[in-house]
Amino acid sequence: MNEKNRVDKEMEKIAVLIPCYNESKTVAKVVKDFKAALPEASIYVYDNNSTDHTDEIAREAGAIVRYEHQQGKGNVIRRMFRDIDAECYIMADGDDTYPAEYAPEMARKVLEAGADMVVGDRLSSTYFTENKRPFHNFGNSLVRKMINFMFKTEIKDIMTGYRAFSYQFVKSFPVLSKGFEIETEMSIHAIDKNMLLDNVIIDYRDRPAGSESKLDTYSDGMKVLKTIARLYRNYKPMSFFGTLAFILIALGVGFFIPVFLEYLRIGRVPNFPTLIVCGFAVMAGIQSLFAGMILQNMVQKNRQDFEMELQRIADHRREIEKRDGE
């Protein structure tokens, strides 16, 4: 059976997924480390238009190499999740910043404890001392606090690239982001869909000399913040539009009060433009409130549909396992 058919027709126990773009200096060590830590796992390197022979080096190190030609980490992860069927997925970067020795514990939490997503938590250990980019440190802390506040959760590391997933999570996760904001999207999806999350504190090591980060602190940071705003609007429309409605109505009423008091004092309205703007602001606030209520009902219906989709995925998994056992 050739490699592609094997992926399509067999449910693997553990699949290690390594998205790579120009990681020739580190990918061989990463592949070998994961082969040593998880000898029963298949190691997949998905090359994303590398120009430094990352794919050849990974193949020589023993990885199964595949390609995604649409640029961006989100596009690579979409391809990996569609291609591979496994009981447990371990995802790590190809830059040798995530030690492979934590992978067995992360896999155990998926396979034995039933976790849907296990987060490799860098921020509770060595990240802030190893990472030499202060704005990255600030950005990670800011994103973590924002999401934990807005979604009422306590995830320790929102943007880590070291995670373990169940089959159920991978096959039900709609990948919308194209770039590095994908980790934020994963975290929020798991929170919103009430999936079982777990955490493993890991040591983080900075990139070795000569290896350069593909993450731009400012442009990618802005993409992450936009993703948070978009997902908050989509997943929590009543909170999002309700807050907007409160602000608009408060502004409208606040500016209307002086106009009204002046009318009571002199019997006429001297500031008609202000009065008109106040009226429009209150009307916009009421519209925003009703939009939030309607969208919240749609979100509730989507959650019901999602639960049915999870059942379909579970049935499909049982079919694959039954076929593999024949």
Foldseek 3Di string as FASTA:
>chain_A
DDDQVCQVQAAAAEEEEEEDAQQQVFQLVVLLQLCVQCVRYAYEYEYAPHDPCSQVSNVVSPHHYHYDPQDAPLSSLLVVLVRGHYQKYKYAYRQPFFGNNCVVVQSCCCPPVVAFKEDAAAPVDCCVPQDPDVLVVVLQVVLQVVCCVLLVHRDRTQQHRTMMGGNLLSVLQDRDDGHSLRSNSSVLVCSLLVGGYHYDYGHTHDGDPPDDDPDDSPPVSVVNVVVVVVVSCQRQVQVVLLVQLVVLLCVLVVLVVVQVVVCVVPVDGPCVVSNVSSVVSNVSSVVSNVVSVVSVVVSVVVSVVSVVVSVVSVVVVVVSVVSVVD
